[in-house]
Amino acid sequence: MTVLILTCEQDVTADMVVAELDGHGVPVVRLDPADLPGPVALSGEYVRGGFRGHLSAGGRLVSMGGLRSVWVRRPGAAASRAAEPSDWLTEESAQALYGMLRSTGARWMNHPDAARRARHKPWQLSLAQRCGLPVPATLITTFPQAARDFADRFPDLVVKPVSGAHPQEPPRAVPTSRVAPDTDFTAVAFGPTLLQRRVDKRADIRLTCVGDRMFAARKTVAPDSDPDEVDVRFATSDALWQPVDTPSSVAAGVRTYLREAQLAFGAFDFAEDAEGMWWFLECNQSGQFGFVQIESGQPIAAAVADWLAAPTAPGARADAGRAWAIEGH
């Protein structure tokens, strides 16, 4: 049976998993929904109580009934590279592709409906709290006075986007930034603003979860580092990501988080304070892990490949492929 990977053309992280699958002789098809219609084609019929569908990509034809698993990595918007793109064509193409894939018995990493919910950062913070993971004091508001009052209670703050990357092409990462002490917060009224107590961290933690497997890596923050460099993605540190054990309390909370979110994969970011506590920052349901694997030597790509290739995914839950019930889908 075949593994289907939905992602953009330039995705080094996906390349690593494809290499693992190829090395084990597992059939794999990789395509970008942005190429549908065009280089990617599909067909499906619902006849006599059954479904039969096919996908064509890169000169290969694959039966949807022969799909073992689907990895929704970082796909482009359906039909965005069509000869005459439109919102209507994007919706039609997305409905056709994902609707047909939902008609198969393939397992998902991660199911589109679960992934859609998991992207909402306010929901992440609430779920993390319910799962017993420490969350820094956070405010999301469009009330300037609420922001001023929050800053009085927590004088050392950072500001970060609620939604993540800026939706330009290609997407631009918006860094987490420290809030100046004299900020008056008037501009908060023009858009939702996320303010969070700054964790005086001694290390950044990336915990990559594949099924029930956890790969924690730690990147030390130098004692003399610039306190304004709060975003590890833009820090000038030469420290490398190193493997580290996951505290049992964190592991328990993360397992509950994944179960409640119905995710088979999650990349968690934590900030480790001077007392060694891991503070939850976010969970990216399609996060990068190539850079962590390269520096730490952790076999994350192999774990993803194993999950995708297994007849029954290691550690897979019975409900992992049934997240379609979320949000009424």
Protein backbone atom coordinates (compact mmCIF):
# COMPACT_ATOMS: atom_id res chain seq x y z
CA MET A 1 0.00 0.00 0.00
CA THR A 2 1.03 3.59 -0.67
CA VAL A 3 1.87 6.54 1.57
CA LEU A 4 0.55 9.89 0.29
CA ILE A 5 2.37 13.08 1.29
CA LEU A 6 0.65 16.42 0.71
CA THR A 7 3.21 19.20 0.78
CA CYS A 8 4.83 21.99 -1.20
CA GLU A 9 7.62 21.34 -3.68
CA GLN A 10 10.47 22.69 -1.54
CA ASP A 11 10.16 20.89 1.78
CA VAL A 12 13.41 19.49 3.12
CA THR A 13 11.64 17.95 6.11
CA ALA A 14 9.40 15.93 3.78
CA ASP A 15 12.47 14.97 1.72
CA MET A 16 13.98 13.32 4.80
CA VAL A 17 10.87 11.20 5.38
CA VAL A 18 10.61 10.25 1.69
CA ALA A 19 14.22 9.04 1.83
CA GLU A 20 13.38 6.85 4.83
CA LEU A 21 10.32 5.38 3.10
CA ASP A 22 12.26 4.77 -0.12
CA GLY A 23 14.99 3.05 1.86
CA HIS A 24 12.47 0.56 3.20
CA GLY A 25 10.80 0.00 -0.13
CA VAL A 26 7.52 1.64 0.90
CA PRO A 27 5.62 3.11 -2.08
CA VAL A 28 5.15 6.85 -1.67
CA VAL A 29 3.44 9.53 -3.74
CA ARG A 30 4.10 13.19 -3.02
CA LEU A 31 1.99 15.98 -4.43
CA ASP A 32 0.97 19.57 -3.83
CA PRO A 33 -2.75 20.37 -3.98
CA ALA A 34 -1.70 23.70 -5.50
CA ASP A 35 -1.08 21.74 -8.73
CA LEU A 36 -4.69 20.51 -8.93
CA PRO A 37 -5.98 20.77 -11.63
CA GLY A 38 -2.99 20.45 -13.94
CA PRO A 39 0.02 18.32 -13.01
CA VAL A 40 -2.18 16.70 -10.37
CA ALA A 41 -5.44 15.05 -11.48
CA LEU A 42 -8.12 13.06 -9.69
CA SER A 43 -11.21 11.01 -10.32
CA GLY A 44 -13.65 9.29 -8.00
CA GLU A 45 -16.93 7.49 -8.37
CA TYR A 46 -19.57 6.46 -5.88
CA VAL A 47 -21.44 3.53 -7.41
CA ARG A 48 -23.41 0.58 -6.02
CA GLY A 49 -22.71 1.56 -2.43
CA GLY A 50 -18.95 1.84 -2.85
CA PHE A 51 -16.23 4.38 -3.62
CA ARG A 52 -13.39 4.07 -6.11
CA GLY A 53 -10.93 6.91 -6.69
CA HIS A 54 -7.58 7.61 -8.34
CA LEU A 55 -4.91 10.29 -8.14
CA SER A 56 -2.32 11.13 -10.78
CA ALA A 57 0.87 13.03 -9.97
CA GLY A 58 4.36 13.04 -11.46
CA GLY A 59 3.39 10.50 -14.07
CA ARG A 60 2.13 8.03 -11.46
CA LEU A 61 -1.42 6.79 -11.01
CA VAL A 62 -2.42 5.61 -7.55
CA SER A 63 -5.65 4.09 -6.32
CA MET A 64 -7.11 5.90 -3.34
CA GLY A 65 -8.27 2.54 -2.06
CA GLY A 66 -4.62 1.54 -1.88
CA LEU A 67 -3.57 4.41 0.39
CA ARG A 68 -2.04 3.29 3.67
CA SER A 69 -1.75 6.77 5.20
CA VAL A 70 -1.86 10.46 4.35
CA TRP A 71 0.67 12.93 5.76
CA VAL A 72 -0.70 16.47 5.54
CA ARG A 73 2.65 18.17 5.82
CA ARG A 74 2.61 21.71 4.32
CA PRO A 75 0.31 21.62 1.30
CA GLY A 76 -0.37 24.68 -0.81
CA ALA A 77 -3.89 25.94 -1.31
CA ALA A 78 -5.70 23.78 -3.83
CA ALA A 79 -5.65 25.14 -7.41
CA SER A 80 -3.48 28.13 -6.46
CA ARG A 81 -1.21 27.41 -9.44
CA ALA A 82 -4.03 26.81 -11.93
CA ALA A 83 -3.95 28.62 -15.26
CA GLU A 84 -6.87 30.79 -14.12
CA PRO A 85 -6.94 30.60 -10.30
CA SER A 86 -9.98 31.77 -8.36
CA ASP A 87 -11.46 31.38 -4.90
CA TRP A 88 -14.23 29.29 -6.43
CA LEU A 89 -11.79 26.91 -8.15
CA THR A 90 -9.77 26.59 -4.94
CA GLU A 91 -12.88 25.64 -2.98
CA GLU A 92 -14.05 23.19 -5.65
CA SER A 93 -10.63 21.52 -5.86
CA ALA A 94 -10.18 21.33 -2.08
CA GLN A 95 -13.66 19.85 -1.65
CA ALA A 96 -12.94 17.24 -4.30
CA LEU A 97 -9.47 16.23 -3.08
CA TYR A 98 -9.97 16.20 0.67
CA GLY A 99 -13.52 14.90 0.35
CA MET A 100 -12.34 11.90 -1.64
CA LEU A 101 -9.44 11.25 0.72
CA ARG A 102 -11.91 11.28 3.60
CA SER A 103 -13.75 8.52 1.74
CA THR A 104 -10.78 6.16 2.06
CA GLY A 105 -9.68 4.08 5.03
CA ALA A 106 -6.27 5.78 5.17
CA ARG A 107 -4.85 7.03 8.47
CA TRP A 108 -4.03 10.71 8.80
CA MET A 109 -1.06 12.64 10.16
CA ASN A 110 -2.84 14.90 10.93
CA HIS A 111 -6.49 14.81 9.93
CA PRO A 112 -7.40 18.17 8.29
CA ASP A 113 -10.26 18.86 10.70
CA ALA A 114 -8.16 18.18 13.80
CA ALA A 115 -5.30 20.20 12.30
CA ARG A 116 -7.58 23.16 11.61
CA ARG A 117 -8.66 23.34 15.23
CA ALA A 118 -5.13 22.74 16.52
CA ARG A 119 -3.81 25.83 14.72
CA HIS A 120 -5.81 28.19 16.93
CA LYS A 121 -3.36 29.50 19.50
CA PRO A 122 -5.99 30.58 22.06
CA TRP A 123 -7.40 27.06 21.96
CA GLN A 124 -3.88 25.64 22.39
CA LEU A 125 -3.32 27.70 25.53
CA SER A 126 -6.61 26.58 27.04
CA LEU A 127 -5.99 22.92 26.20
CA ALA A 128 -2.44 23.07 27.61
CA GLN A 129 -3.81 24.47 30.88
CA ARG A 130 -6.41 21.68 31.09
CA CYS A 131 -3.66 19.13 30.48
CA GLY A 132 -1.59 20.43 33.39
CA LEU A 133 1.13 22.10 31.31
CA PRO A 134 2.42 25.39 32.78
CA VAL A 135 1.40 28.35 30.58
CA PRO A 136 2.84 31.86 31.06
CA ALA A 137 0.25 34.53 31.91
CA THR A 138 -1.27 35.55 28.57
CA LEU A 139 -3.70 38.19 27.33
CA ILE A 140 -5.31 38.42 23.88
CA THR A 141 -7.19 41.68 23.51
CA THR A 142 -8.32 44.63 21.42
CA PHE A 143 -8.90 46.77 24.54
CA PRO A 144 -5.95 49.15 25.09
CA GLN A 145 -6.84 49.58 28.75
CA ALA A 146 -6.88 45.82 29.29
CA ALA A 147 -3.37 45.68 27.82
CA ARG A 148 -2.21 48.51 30.10
CA ASP A 149 -3.66 46.80 33.16
CA PHE A 150 -2.03 43.50 32.16
CA ALA A 151 1.33 45.25 31.74
CA ASP A 152 0.99 46.71 35.23
CA ARG A 153 0.48 43.21 36.62
CA PHE A 154 3.21 41.63 34.49
CA PRO A 155 5.76 44.36 33.64
CA ASP A 156 8.04 42.12 31.54
CA LEU A 157 6.05 41.10 28.45
CA VAL A 158 6.49 39.82 24.92
CA VAL A 159 4.14 40.29 21.98
CA LYS A 160 3.53 37.63 19.34
CA PRO A 161 1.05 37.03 16.51
CA VAL A 162 -2.15 35.20 17.32
CA SER A 163 -2.18 33.32 14.02
CA GLY A 164 1.49 32.65 13.23
CA ALA A 165 3.19 33.46 9.93
CA HIS A 166 2.14 36.48 7.89
CA PRO A 167 0.10 35.26 4.89
CA GLN A 168 2.32 36.58 2.13
CA GLU A 169 3.96 34.43 -0.55
CA PRO A 170 6.17 32.89 0.61
CA PRO A 171 4.88 33.12 4.21
CA ARG A 172 6.95 35.40 6.41
CA ALA A 173 7.64 34.46 10.02
CA VAL A 174 6.69 37.17 12.50
CA PRO A 175 9.12 37.11 15.46
CA THR A 176 8.12 37.20 19.09
CA SER A 177 9.35 40.55 20.44
CA ARG A 178 9.87 42.10 23.83
CA VAL A 179 7.47 44.90 24.79
CA ALA A 180 9.09 48.21 25.69
CA PRO A 181 8.33 49.43 29.24
CA ASP A 182 6.84 52.74 27.99
CA THR A 183 4.39 51.19 25.48
CA ASP A 184 0.94 52.83 25.72
CA PHE A 185 -0.91 50.06 23.80
CA THR A 186 -3.21 52.41 21.85
CA ALA A 187 -2.60 50.41 18.67
CA VAL A 188 -4.08 47.31 20.31
CA ALA A 189 -7.51 48.59 19.25
CA PHE A 190 -6.68 47.98 15.57
CA GLY A 191 -6.24 44.21 15.82
CA PRO A 192 -6.15 41.34 18.33
CA THR A 193 -2.84 41.44 20.21
CA LEU A 194 -1.28 38.58 22.16
CA LEU A 195 0.75 39.64 25.17
CA GLN A 196 2.54 37.09 27.32
CA ARG A 197 4.72 37.21 30.41
CA ARG A 198 8.33 36.77 29.32
CA VAL A 199 9.92 33.62 30.69
CA ASP A 200 13.47 34.34 31.87
CA LYS A 201 14.68 31.21 30.17
CA ARG A 202 17.92 29.30 30.40
CA ALA A 203 17.06 27.08 27.45
CA ASP A 204 14.62 26.54 24.61
CA ILE A 205 12.96 23.13 24.29
CA ARG A 206 11.55 21.53 21.15
CA LEU A 207 9.57 18.38 21.87
CA THR A 208 8.61 16.52 18.69
CA CYS A 209 5.95 13.86 19.13
CA VAL A 210 5.26 11.11 16.59
CA GLY A 211 2.46 8.84 17.75
CA ASP A 212 3.53 7.88 21.26
CA ARG A 213 7.23 8.57 20.64
CA MET A 214 8.79 11.75 22.04
CA PHE A 215 12.00 13.43 20.94
CA ALA A 216 12.99 16.29 23.23
CA ALA A 217 15.85 18.61 22.29
CA ARG A 218 17.33 21.47 24.30
CA LYS A 219 19.13 24.61 23.13
CA THR A 220 20.99 26.46 25.87
CA VAL A 221 20.64 30.23 26.24
CA ALA A 222 23.97 31.83 27.11
CA PRO A 223 23.98 33.76 30.43
CA ASP A 224 25.26 36.87 28.61
CA SER A 225 22.77 36.66 25.75
CA ASP A 226 20.73 39.71 24.75
CA PRO A 227 17.48 39.60 26.80
CA ASP A 228 15.66 41.12 23.81
CA GLU A 229 16.41 37.99 21.75
CA VAL A 230 13.34 36.12 22.93
CA ASP A 231 12.57 34.21 19.71
CA VAL A 232 14.87 31.20 19.24
CA ARG A 233 14.25 31.28 15.47
CA PHE A 234 16.01 34.65 15.23
CA ALA A 235 18.58 34.34 18.02
CA THR A 236 22.30 34.67 17.26
CA SER A 237 23.32 31.84 19.60
CA ASP A 238 25.81 29.25 18.36
CA ALA A 239 24.44 26.60 20.73
CA LEU A 240 23.22 23.39 19.12
CA TRP A 241 20.08 21.40 19.83
CA GLN A 242 20.96 18.51 22.13
CA PRO A 243 18.84 15.49 23.17
CA VAL A 244 17.30 15.78 26.62
CA ASP A 245 14.95 13.68 28.74
CA THR A 246 11.35 14.80 29.01
CA PRO A 247 10.15 15.35 32.60
CA SER A 248 7.48 12.82 33.49
CA SER A 249 4.91 15.52 34.30
CA VAL A 250 5.45 17.16 30.91
CA ALA A 251 5.26 13.82 29.10
CA ALA A 252 1.94 13.04 30.79
CA GLY A 253 0.51 16.44 29.91
CA VAL A 254 1.66 16.21 26.31
CA ARG A 255 0.13 12.76 25.86
CA THR A 256 -3.18 14.09 27.14
CA TYR A 257 -2.87 17.13 24.85
CA LEU A 258 -2.32 14.94 21.78
CA ARG A 259 -5.17 12.66 22.71
CA GLU A 260 -7.59 15.54 23.28
CA ALA A 261 -6.44 17.31 20.10
CA GLN A 262 -6.61 14.04 18.12
CA LEU A 263 -3.14 14.64 16.69
CA ALA A 264 -0.70 11.95 15.58
CA PHE A 265 2.11 14.53 15.28
CA GLY A 266 2.92 17.67 17.21
CA ALA A 267 5.98 19.90 17.61
CA PHE A 268 5.85 21.54 21.05
CA ASP A 269 7.84 24.61 22.03
CA PHE A 270 8.71 25.20 25.68
CA ALA A 271 10.84 27.72 27.55
CA GLU A 272 12.90 26.28 30.43
CA ASP A 273 13.30 28.69 33.36
CA ALA A 274 16.07 28.88 35.95
CA GLU A 275 14.29 26.32 38.15
CA GLY A 276 14.06 23.84 35.30
CA MET A 277 10.30 24.24 34.70
CA TRP A 278 9.14 23.84 31.10
CA TRP A 279 6.64 26.55 30.17
CA PHE A 280 4.31 25.74 27.26
CA LEU A 281 4.48 28.23 24.41
CA GLU A 282 2.73 26.50 21.50
CA CYS A 283 2.20 23.27 19.58
CA ASN A 284 2.70 23.31 15.82
CA GLN A 285 0.73 20.44 14.30
CA SER A 286 2.92 20.49 11.17
CA GLY A 287 6.15 21.81 12.65
CA GLN A 288 9.60 21.50 11.15
CA PHE A 289 11.94 18.93 12.65
CA GLY A 290 14.76 18.63 10.13
CA PHE A 291 16.96 21.21 11.88
CA VAL A 292 16.54 19.42 15.21
CA GLN A 293 17.34 16.02 13.73
CA ILE A 294 20.46 17.32 11.97
CA GLU A 295 21.88 18.87 15.16
CA SER A 296 20.66 16.40 17.79
CA GLY A 297 20.95 13.17 15.79
CA GLN A 298 17.45 12.11 16.86
CA PRO A 299 15.77 9.77 14.31
CA ILE A 300 12.59 11.83 13.93
CA ALA A 301 12.21 11.31 10.17
CA ALA A 302 12.53 7.57 10.65
CA ALA A 303 9.82 7.68 13.34
CA VAL A 304 7.48 9.56 11.00
CA ALA A 305 8.21 7.08 8.22
CA ASP A 306 7.55 4.15 10.57
CA TRP A 307 4.20 5.64 11.59
CA LEU A 308 3.16 6.28 8.00
CA ALA A 309 4.28 2.85 6.78
CA ALA A 310 2.93 0.69 9.59
CA PRO A 311 -0.23 -1.36 8.88
CA THR A 312 -1.40 -0.07 12.25
CA ALA A 313 0.59 2.94 13.36
CA PRO A 314 2.76 2.40 16.46
CA GLY A 315 0.92 4.02 19.34
CA ALA A 316 -1.99 4.98 17.11
CA ARG A 317 -5.28 5.60 18.85
CA ALA A 318 -8.53 4.17 17.60
CA ASP A 319 -9.92 7.68 17.10
CA ALA A 320 -6.88 9.10 15.27
CA GLY A 321 -8.54 8.73 11.89
CA ARG A 322 -11.98 9.79 13.02
CA ALA A 323 -11.40 13.47 13.76
CA TRP A 324 -13.87 14.23 10.97
CA ALA A 325 -16.49 14.65 13.67
CA ILE A 326 -14.79 17.85 14.87
CA GLU A 327 -16.65 21.05 14.04
CA GLY A 328 -19.52 19.18 12.45
CA HIS A 329 -17.60 17.67 9.49
